[in-house]
């Protein structure tokens, strides 16, 4: 139970990260300032700031958000919005001073550092050009940064400078804000940013599928774990540890293959090729499924053909590789893409006739002989060439 909950949280978190990353990268590409990229909702548990963005993890993991500059659509930003924006500019300046090494060389921290460089540079004389700041910041100063430093030089403190700028709405500051805010972007840009989230999830699905099948997926092998004594399987001679190799001459590669063959039998007797003991030691058993009501995954009951066996849980990791696809096995034809069906075969010889009426060659063991094709499963990194290894759609 705990494992399932943790797995669900992890999977959901990955989907959230991919979704929000779509918004994030397109917003950055469009020139919109992204204030925060958060996995989970506040309160903030952990995070770090890089560039203009704060990357955070919230206390509530089932969610996430990308916060962009500009929370309202208006002719001009409000005083509170500008105050928040100036707080971000302050953090930008401090990060630049840290990266350039100025803080370490001068022993200044936080607002004291900003007050010092505001009084020691030409920012107060030339706020638009930011001249004199490039050496200190390690990069050219932006217009909004120069405006803030100019006001700090006049006001004497950072807090007072932010208050005055938020109230006075200087045109240079408002213009810089509008250039980076989400609500003031053209409609096509806003549409692209909003669409990028679901588009990222849509593109992620097939890419993830490709990666998973290249790396490999665990499949349950057709090895019997328990055999109910009062059911047809035990009466036919099946025992725990038996490996089902084929049903009616058709190779069984996974437990799902075996389960589908039994459930689709319509109550007709099935000829099972069973491997018991040493590999290659096979025997043939005949079992007739019985119809019983079983509980489905949805909780209701439905009549199902069963023989009273359960899997041992043995698994094998298999990857999907380019190889050969048995076109004569008729799983690649349009009519047979869903796999073999009981009604498709001539019951007199148990499965040697396709729906088109063309007989397929059989080998000495009763398997369909493989033909040529394009795809097959491989166990681990070794592609198996026998009929049971052919990928079946």
Protein backbone atom coordinates (compact mmCIF):
# COMPACT_ATOMS: atom_id res chain seq x y z
CA UNK A 1 0.00 0.00 0.00
CA UNK A 2 2.74 2.46 0.99
CA UNK A 3 4.76 1.52 -2.08
CA UNK A 4 1.77 2.20 -4.32
CA UNK A 5 1.20 5.62 -2.73
CA UNK A 6 4.85 6.58 -3.09
CA UNK A 7 4.91 5.37 -6.69
CA UNK A 8 1.77 7.40 -7.48
CA UNK A 9 3.29 10.54 -5.95
CA UNK A 10 6.54 10.07 -7.90
CA UNK A 11 4.75 9.48 -11.21
CA UNK A 12 2.42 12.42 -10.64
CA UNK A 13 5.40 14.63 -9.73
CA UNK A 14 7.17 13.72 -12.97
CA UNK A 15 4.07 14.65 -14.97
CA UNK A 16 3.85 17.97 -13.11
CA UNK A 17 7.51 18.76 -13.75
CA UNK A 18 7.13 18.02 -17.48
CA UNK A 19 3.94 20.11 -17.68
CA UNK A 20 5.36 23.10 -15.83
CA UNK A 21 8.66 22.83 -17.71
CA UNK A 22 6.68 23.39 -20.91
CA UNK A 23 5.31 26.67 -19.56
CA UNK A 24 8.73 27.59 -18.15
CA UNK A 25 10.88 27.13 -21.26
CA UNK A 26 8.44 28.79 -23.65
CA UNK A 27 7.97 31.73 -21.26
CA UNK A 28 11.74 32.19 -21.05
CA UNK A 29 11.97 31.90 -24.82
CA UNK A 30 9.33 34.62 -25.22
CA UNK A 31 11.22 36.96 -22.87
CA UNK A 32 8.79 36.68 -19.97
CA UNK A 33 10.38 36.77 -16.54
CA UNK A 34 9.71 33.58 -14.53
CA UNK A 35 9.79 34.32 -10.80
CA UNK A 36 9.33 30.78 -9.44
CA UNK A 37 9.28 27.19 -10.62
CA UNK A 38 7.74 25.12 -7.82
CA UNK A 39 7.02 21.44 -7.39
CA UNK A 40 4.29 21.43 -4.77
CA UNK A 41 2.39 24.30 -3.19
CA UNK A 42 3.45 26.59 -0.31
CA UNK A 43 4.75 26.62 2.30
CA UNK A 44 8.19 26.41 0.69
CA UNK A 45 10.24 23.54 2.10
CA UNK A 46 13.45 23.83 0.10
CA UNK A 47 14.79 25.60 -2.93
CA UNK A 48 17.49 27.69 -4.52
CA UNK A 49 17.70 30.72 -6.74
CA UNK A 50 19.47 30.65 -10.09
CA UNK A 51 19.36 33.56 -12.46
CA UNK A 52 15.99 35.28 -12.31
CA UNK A 53 14.09 32.23 -11.04
CA UNK A 54 13.56 30.65 -7.64
CA UNK A 55 13.35 26.84 -7.91
CA UNK A 56 11.41 25.46 -4.95
CA UNK A 57 9.77 22.37 -3.46
CA UNK A 58 6.53 22.97 -1.58
CA UNK A 59 5.03 21.08 1.33
CA UNK A 60 2.12 19.81 -0.79
CA UNK A 61 3.62 17.49 -3.44
CA UNK A 62 0.49 16.85 -5.50
CA UNK A 63 0.72 19.98 -7.61
CA UNK A 64 3.08 22.61 -8.91
CA UNK A 65 3.18 25.96 -10.64
CA UNK A 66 5.24 28.42 -12.63
CA UNK A 67 4.84 32.00 -11.42
CA UNK A 68 5.54 34.66 -14.03
CA UNK A 69 5.93 38.40 -13.63
CA UNK A 70 2.64 40.26 -13.60
CA UNK A 71 -0.37 38.96 -11.70
CA UNK A 72 -2.94 41.33 -13.15
CA UNK A 73 -3.95 42.85 -16.47
CA UNK A 74 -4.01 46.64 -16.13
CA UNK A 75 -2.82 49.78 -17.86
CA UNK A 76 -0.11 50.16 -15.22
CA UNK A 77 1.15 47.81 -12.50
CA UNK A 78 -0.06 48.55 -8.99
CA UNK A 79 2.21 49.79 -6.21
CA UNK A 80 2.26 46.32 -4.61
CA UNK A 81 3.16 44.69 -7.92
CA UNK A 82 6.01 47.14 -8.50
CA UNK A 83 7.23 46.63 -4.94
CA UNK A 84 7.40 42.89 -5.53
CA UNK A 85 9.15 43.48 -8.85
CA UNK A 86 11.75 45.75 -7.24
CA UNK A 87 12.37 43.06 -4.65
CA UNK A 88 13.29 40.72 -7.51
CA UNK A 89 15.61 43.37 -9.00
CA UNK A 90 17.31 43.67 -5.61
CA UNK A 91 17.97 39.91 -5.60
CA UNK A 92 19.31 40.12 -9.17
CA UNK A 93 21.84 42.77 -8.13
CA UNK A 94 22.98 40.80 -5.09
CA UNK A 95 23.42 37.65 -7.20
CA UNK A 96 25.50 39.60 -9.73
CA UNK A 97 27.70 41.04 -6.96
CA UNK A 98 28.24 37.54 -5.57
CA UNK A 99 29.08 36.04 -8.96
CA UNK A 100 31.54 38.84 -9.78
CA UNK A 101 33.31 38.37 -6.45
CA UNK A 102 32.63 41.94 -5.29
CA UNK A 103 30.90 40.82 -2.07
CA UNK A 104 33.83 38.62 -1.07
CA UNK A 105 36.41 41.31 -1.85
CA UNK A 106 34.63 44.09 0.02
CA UNK A 107 33.05 42.17 2.90
CA UNK A 108 29.63 43.68 2.31
CA UNK A 109 26.31 41.84 2.53
CA UNK A 110 22.71 42.40 1.43
CA UNK A 111 21.37 45.97 1.49
CA UNK A 112 24.66 47.36 2.82
CA UNK A 113 26.34 46.24 -0.41
CA UNK A 114 23.68 47.89 -2.57
CA UNK A 115 23.89 51.14 -0.63
CA UNK A 116 27.67 51.16 -1.04
CA UNK A 117 27.74 50.62 -4.80
CA UNK A 118 24.87 53.09 -5.28
CA UNK A 119 26.89 55.86 -3.67
CA UNK A 120 30.22 54.88 -5.23
CA UNK A 121 29.14 54.62 -8.87
CA UNK A 122 27.66 56.87 -11.51
CA UNK A 123 24.25 55.23 -11.23
CA UNK A 124 22.72 58.34 -9.71
CA UNK A 125 24.00 60.44 -12.58
CA UNK A 126 23.17 58.12 -15.43
CA UNK A 127 20.46 55.63 -14.51
CA UNK A 128 19.58 54.82 -18.12
CA UNK A 129 22.99 53.72 -19.24
CA UNK A 130 24.20 52.03 -16.06
CA UNK A 131 27.74 53.32 -16.74
CA UNK A 132 30.27 52.44 -14.08
CA UNK A 133 28.38 49.39 -12.92
CA UNK A 134 29.63 46.88 -15.47
CA UNK A 135 32.95 46.35 -13.72
CA UNK A 136 31.28 45.86 -10.34
CA UNK A 137 28.43 43.61 -11.55
CA UNK A 138 30.51 41.70 -14.06
CA UNK A 139 27.93 42.52 -16.73
CA UNK A 140 26.08 45.57 -18.07
CA UNK A 141 23.44 46.90 -15.70
CA UNK A 142 19.83 46.67 -16.83
CA UNK A 143 17.61 49.74 -16.94
CA UNK A 144 15.49 48.70 -13.96
CA UNK A 145 18.63 47.90 -11.93
CA UNK A 146 20.12 51.33 -12.68
CA UNK A 147 16.84 52.99 -11.72
CA UNK A 148 16.82 51.19 -8.37
CA UNK A 149 20.45 52.05 -7.60
CA UNK A 150 19.84 55.68 -8.54
CA UNK A 151 16.95 55.90 -6.08
CA UNK A 152 18.97 54.11 -3.37
CA UNK A 153 21.68 56.80 -3.74
CA UNK A 154 19.03 59.52 -3.30
CA UNK A 155 17.04 57.87 -0.49
CA UNK A 156 19.93 56.41 1.49
CA UNK A 157 18.34 52.99 2.12
CA UNK A 158 17.07 50.16 -0.06
CA UNK A 159 13.70 49.87 1.69
CA UNK A 160 12.94 53.58 1.30
CA UNK A 161 14.03 53.54 -2.34
CA UNK A 162 11.66 50.65 -3.12
CA UNK A 163 8.76 52.41 -1.36
CA UNK A 164 9.30 55.65 -3.33
CA UNK A 165 9.68 53.93 -6.70
CA UNK A 166 6.55 51.84 -6.12
CA UNK A 167 4.54 54.97 -5.35
CA UNK A 168 5.96 57.23 -8.08
CA UNK A 169 5.79 54.78 -10.99
CA UNK A 170 8.76 56.12 -12.99
CA UNK A 171 8.23 55.55 -16.71
CA UNK A 172 11.56 53.73 -17.22
CA UNK A 173 10.67 51.24 -14.50
CA UNK A 174 7.12 50.67 -15.80
CA UNK A 175 8.42 50.16 -19.33
CA UNK A 176 10.97 47.60 -18.14
CA UNK A 177 8.22 45.83 -16.18
CA UNK A 178 5.84 45.66 -19.15
CA UNK A 179 8.52 44.21 -21.41
CA UNK A 180 8.93 41.20 -19.11
CA UNK A 181 5.43 40.75 -17.67
CA UNK A 182 3.10 37.98 -18.88
CA UNK A 183 -0.18 39.98 -19.08
CA UNK A 184 1.34 42.65 -21.34
CA UNK A 185 2.65 40.19 -23.93
CA UNK A 186 0.92 39.91 -27.34
CA UNK A 187 -1.89 37.36 -27.52
CA UNK A 188 0.11 34.91 -29.65
CA UNK A 189 2.87 34.77 -27.03
CA UNK A 190 0.46 34.25 -24.15
CA UNK A 191 -1.31 31.54 -26.12
CA UNK A 192 1.99 29.75 -26.82
CA UNK A 193 2.99 29.88 -23.14
CA UNK A 194 -0.35 28.49 -21.95
CA UNK A 195 -0.40 25.77 -24.63
CA UNK A 196 3.17 24.68 -23.90
CA UNK A 197 2.22 22.85 -20.69
CA UNK A 198 -0.22 20.28 -22.11
CA UNK A 199 1.86 20.06 -25.30
CA UNK A 200 4.86 18.99 -23.22
CA UNK A 201 2.82 16.18 -21.63
CA UNK A 202 1.55 15.02 -25.02
CA UNK A 203 5.07 14.88 -26.46
CA UNK A 204 6.46 13.23 -23.33
CA UNK A 205 4.17 10.19 -23.54
CA UNK A 206 5.54 8.63 -26.77
CA UNK A 207 9.11 9.56 -25.85
CA UNK A 208 8.76 7.85 -22.48
CA UNK A 209 7.25 4.78 -24.16
CA UNK A 210 10.22 4.53 -26.52
CA UNK A 211 12.72 4.84 -23.68
CA UNK A 212 10.91 2.27 -21.51
CA UNK A 213 10.81 -0.33 -24.27
CA UNK A 214 14.45 0.31 -25.16
CA UNK A 215 15.55 -0.10 -21.55
CA UNK A 216 13.19 -3.01 -20.98
CA UNK A 217 10.00 -3.84 -19.13
CA UNK A 218 9.32 -6.61 -16.65
CA UNK A 219 6.97 -9.32 -17.89
CA UNK A 220 5.50 -12.18 -15.85
CA UNK A 221 6.60 -15.56 -17.13
CA UNK A 222 4.04 -18.37 -17.70
CA UNK A 223 5.29 -20.38 -14.70
CA UNK A 224 2.66 -21.87 -12.38
CA UNK A 225 2.81 -20.88 -8.73
CA UNK A 226 -0.27 -22.54 -7.25
CA UNK A 227 -2.66 -25.10 -8.71
CA UNK A 228 -6.06 -25.54 -7.05
CA UNK A 229 -6.69 -29.24 -6.43
CA UNK A 230 -10.41 -29.07 -7.15
CA UNK A 231 -10.00 -27.32 -10.51
CA UNK A 232 -9.43 -28.59 -14.10
CA UNK A 233 -5.75 -27.64 -14.13
CA UNK A 234 -4.84 -30.02 -11.30
CA UNK A 235 -7.04 -32.78 -12.70
CA UNK A 236 -5.23 -32.46 -16.04
CA UNK A 237 -1.85 -32.95 -14.35
CA UNK A 238 -0.56 -29.39 -13.99
CA UNK A 239 1.66 -28.78 -10.97
CA UNK A 240 3.41 -25.84 -9.33
CA UNK A 241 6.63 -24.96 -11.13
CA UNK A 242 5.36 -26.04 -14.56
CA UNK A 243 6.16 -23.63 -17.38
CA UNK A 244 3.54 -23.29 -20.12
CA UNK A 245 5.39 -23.30 -23.42
CA UNK A 246 2.49 -23.44 -25.89
CA UNK A 247 -1.28 -23.64 -26.09
CA UNK A 248 -2.73 -25.51 -29.07
CA UNK A 249 0.61 -25.21 -30.83
CA UNK A 250 0.90 -21.46 -30.34
CA UNK A 251 3.91 -20.23 -28.42
CA UNK A 252 3.26 -18.74 -24.97
CA UNK A 253 5.81 -16.14 -23.99
CA UNK A 254 4.21 -14.41 -20.99
CA UNK A 255 1.55 -15.06 -18.39
CA UNK A 256 -0.74 -12.63 -20.18
CA UNK A 257 -0.51 -14.78 -23.32
CA UNK A 258 -1.51 -17.84 -21.33
CA UNK A 259 -4.34 -16.04 -19.52
CA UNK A 260 -5.80 -14.76 -22.78
CA UNK A 261 -5.67 -18.24 -24.30
CA UNK A 262 -7.58 -19.76 -21.37
CA UNK A 263 -10.17 -16.98 -21.12
CA UNK A 264 -10.74 -17.05 -24.87
CA UNK A 265 -11.17 -20.82 -25.05
CA UNK A 266 -14.99 -20.74 -24.96
CA UNK A 267 -14.79 -23.89 -22.83
CA UNK A 268 -13.03 -26.01 -25.47
CA UNK A 269 -10.23 -28.32 -24.37
CA UNK A 270 -6.75 -26.84 -24.64
CA UNK A 271 -3.60 -28.79 -25.52
CA UNK A 272 -0.81 -27.47 -23.33
CA UNK A 273 2.90 -27.94 -24.00
CA UNK A 274 4.45 -27.93 -20.53
CA UNK A 275 8.10 -27.72 -19.52
CA UNK A 276 8.74 -29.52 -16.25
CA UNK A 277 12.01 -30.16 -14.48
CA UNK A 278 14.99 -29.81 -16.79
CA UNK A 279 14.82 -27.19 -19.59
CA UNK A 280 13.64 -28.86 -22.77
CA UNK A 281 11.85 -31.69 -20.96
CA UNK A 282 8.30 -31.26 -22.23
CA UNK A 283 5.01 -33.06 -21.93
CA UNK A 284 1.60 -32.46 -23.42
CA UNK A 285 -1.52 -32.13 -21.27
CA UNK A 286 -5.14 -31.52 -22.19
CA UNK A 287 -7.28 -29.33 -19.95
CA UNK A 288 -10.86 -28.14 -20.35
CA UNK A 289 -11.57 -24.74 -18.69
CA UNK A 290 -14.60 -24.27 -16.48
CA UNK A 291 -16.84 -21.20 -16.36
CA UNK A 292 -16.94 -19.41 -13.01
CA UNK A 293 -17.81 -15.93 -11.74
CA UNK A 294 -14.68 -13.98 -10.89
CA UNK A 295 -14.16 -10.48 -9.52
CA UNK A 296 -12.90 -8.04 -12.16
CA UNK A 297 -10.52 -5.13 -11.59
CA UNK A 298 -13.62 -2.91 -11.33
CA UNK A 299 -14.99 -4.86 -8.38
CA UNK A 300 -17.95 -6.50 -10.12
CA UNK A 301 -18.35 -10.18 -11.01
CA UNK A 302 -18.25 -11.63 -14.50
CA UNK A 303 -18.27 -15.21 -15.86
CA UNK A 304 -14.75 -16.23 -16.92
CA UNK A 305 -13.18 -19.41 -18.26
CA UNK A 306 -10.52 -20.60 -15.79
CA UNK A 307 -8.49 -23.72 -14.98
CA UNK A 308 -7.51 -22.85 -11.39
CA UNK A 309 -3.85 -21.80 -11.64
CA UNK A 310 -1.93 -18.74 -10.50
CA UNK A 311 1.48 -17.40 -11.58
CA UNK A 312 4.61 -17.96 -9.50
CA UNK A 313 5.60 -14.31 -9.94
CA UNK A 314 8.75 -15.09 -11.92
CA UNK A 315 9.63 -12.13 -14.13
CA UNK A 316 11.98 -11.29 -16.96
CA UNK A 317 13.08 -7.89 -18.26
CA UNK A 318 12.70 -7.53 -22.00
CA UNK A 319 13.57 -4.76 -24.39
CA UNK A 320 12.11 -4.06 -27.81
CA UNK A 321 14.68 -4.15 -30.59
CA UNK A 322 14.66 -4.00 -34.35
CA UNK A 323 14.78 -7.53 -35.70
CA UNK A 324 12.52 -9.84 -37.67
CA UNK A 325 8.74 -9.86 -37.78
CA UNK A 326 7.02 -13.10 -38.72
CA UNK A 327 4.61 -12.01 -41.42
CA UNK A 328 3.39 -15.59 -41.85
CA UNK A 329 2.37 -15.66 -38.18
CA UNK A 330 -0.53 -13.39 -39.20
CA UNK A 331 -0.16 -11.08 -36.16
CA UNK A 332 1.07 -8.38 -38.49
CA UNK A 333 -1.93 -8.53 -40.82
CA UNK A 334 -4.70 -6.01 -40.38
CA UNK A 335 -7.31 -8.68 -39.66
CA UNK A 336 -5.15 -10.32 -37.00
CA UNK A 337 -3.50 -7.33 -35.35
CA UNK A 338 -5.25 -8.10 -32.06
CA UNK A 339 -3.67 -11.57 -31.83
CA UNK A 340 -5.05 -15.10 -32.27
CA UNK A 341 -8.70 -15.84 -31.63
CA UNK A 342 -10.27 -19.26 -31.13
CA UNK A 343 -12.75 -18.75 -33.97
CA UNK A 344 -9.89 -18.15 -36.42
CA UNK A 345 -8.62 -21.69 -36.31
CA UNK A 346 -9.74 -25.02 -37.70
CA UNK A 347 -10.59 -27.01 -34.58
CA UNK A 348 -9.81 -30.28 -36.35
CA UNK A 349 -6.08 -29.56 -36.41
CA UNK A 350 -6.07 -26.92 -33.59
CA UNK A 351 -4.85 -23.75 -35.15
CA UNK A 352 -3.21 -24.20 -38.51
CA UNK A 353 -5.66 -22.15 -40.54
CA UNK A 354 -5.77 -18.38 -40.77
CA UNK A 355 -9.02 -16.43 -41.21
CA UNK A 356 -8.23 -16.23 -44.92
CA UNK A 357 -8.23 -20.03 -45.14
CA UNK A 358 -4.50 -20.33 -45.96
CA UNK A 359 -2.81 -23.11 -44.04
CA UNK A 360 0.41 -22.30 -42.30
CA UNK A 361 3.37 -24.72 -42.19
CA UNK A 362 3.99 -26.50 -38.87
CA UNK A 363 7.26 -27.78 -37.43
CA UNK A 364 7.66 -31.13 -35.70
CA UNK A 365 6.71 -29.70 -32.32
CA UNK A 366 3.42 -28.24 -33.54
CA UNK A 367 4.57 -24.60 -33.59
CA UNK A 368 3.91 -22.24 -36.45
CA UNK A 369 7.15 -22.02 -38.41
CA UNK A 370 8.60 -18.49 -38.33
CA UNK A 371 8.78 -16.53 -41.51
CA UNK A 372 10.40 -13.20 -42.29
CA UNK A 373 9.51 -9.85 -40.81
CA UNK A 374 10.64 -6.79 -38.92
CA UNK A 375 10.27 -6.93 -35.11
CA UNK A 376 10.86 -9.22 -32.17
CA UNK A 377 11.24 -9.12 -28.40
CA UNK A 378 14.62 -9.71 -26.83
CA UNK A 379 15.23 -10.99 -23.31
CA UNK A 380 17.89 -8.71 -21.80
CA UNK A 381 20.29 -7.76 -24.59
CA UNK A 382 20.15 -11.09 -26.46
CA UNK A 383 17.57 -11.38 -29.23
CA UNK A 384 15.95 -14.78 -29.23
CA UNK A 385 15.27 -16.30 -32.61
CA UNK A 386 12.73 -18.95 -31.76
CA UNK A 387 9.00 -18.58 -32.45
CA UNK A 388 8.14 -17.67 -28.87
CA UNK A 389 10.35 -14.56 -29.12
CA UNK A 390 8.45 -12.99 -32.00
CA UNK A 391 6.77 -9.74 -30.95
CA UNK A 392 3.01 -10.13 -31.08
CA UNK A 393 0.88 -7.01 -31.41
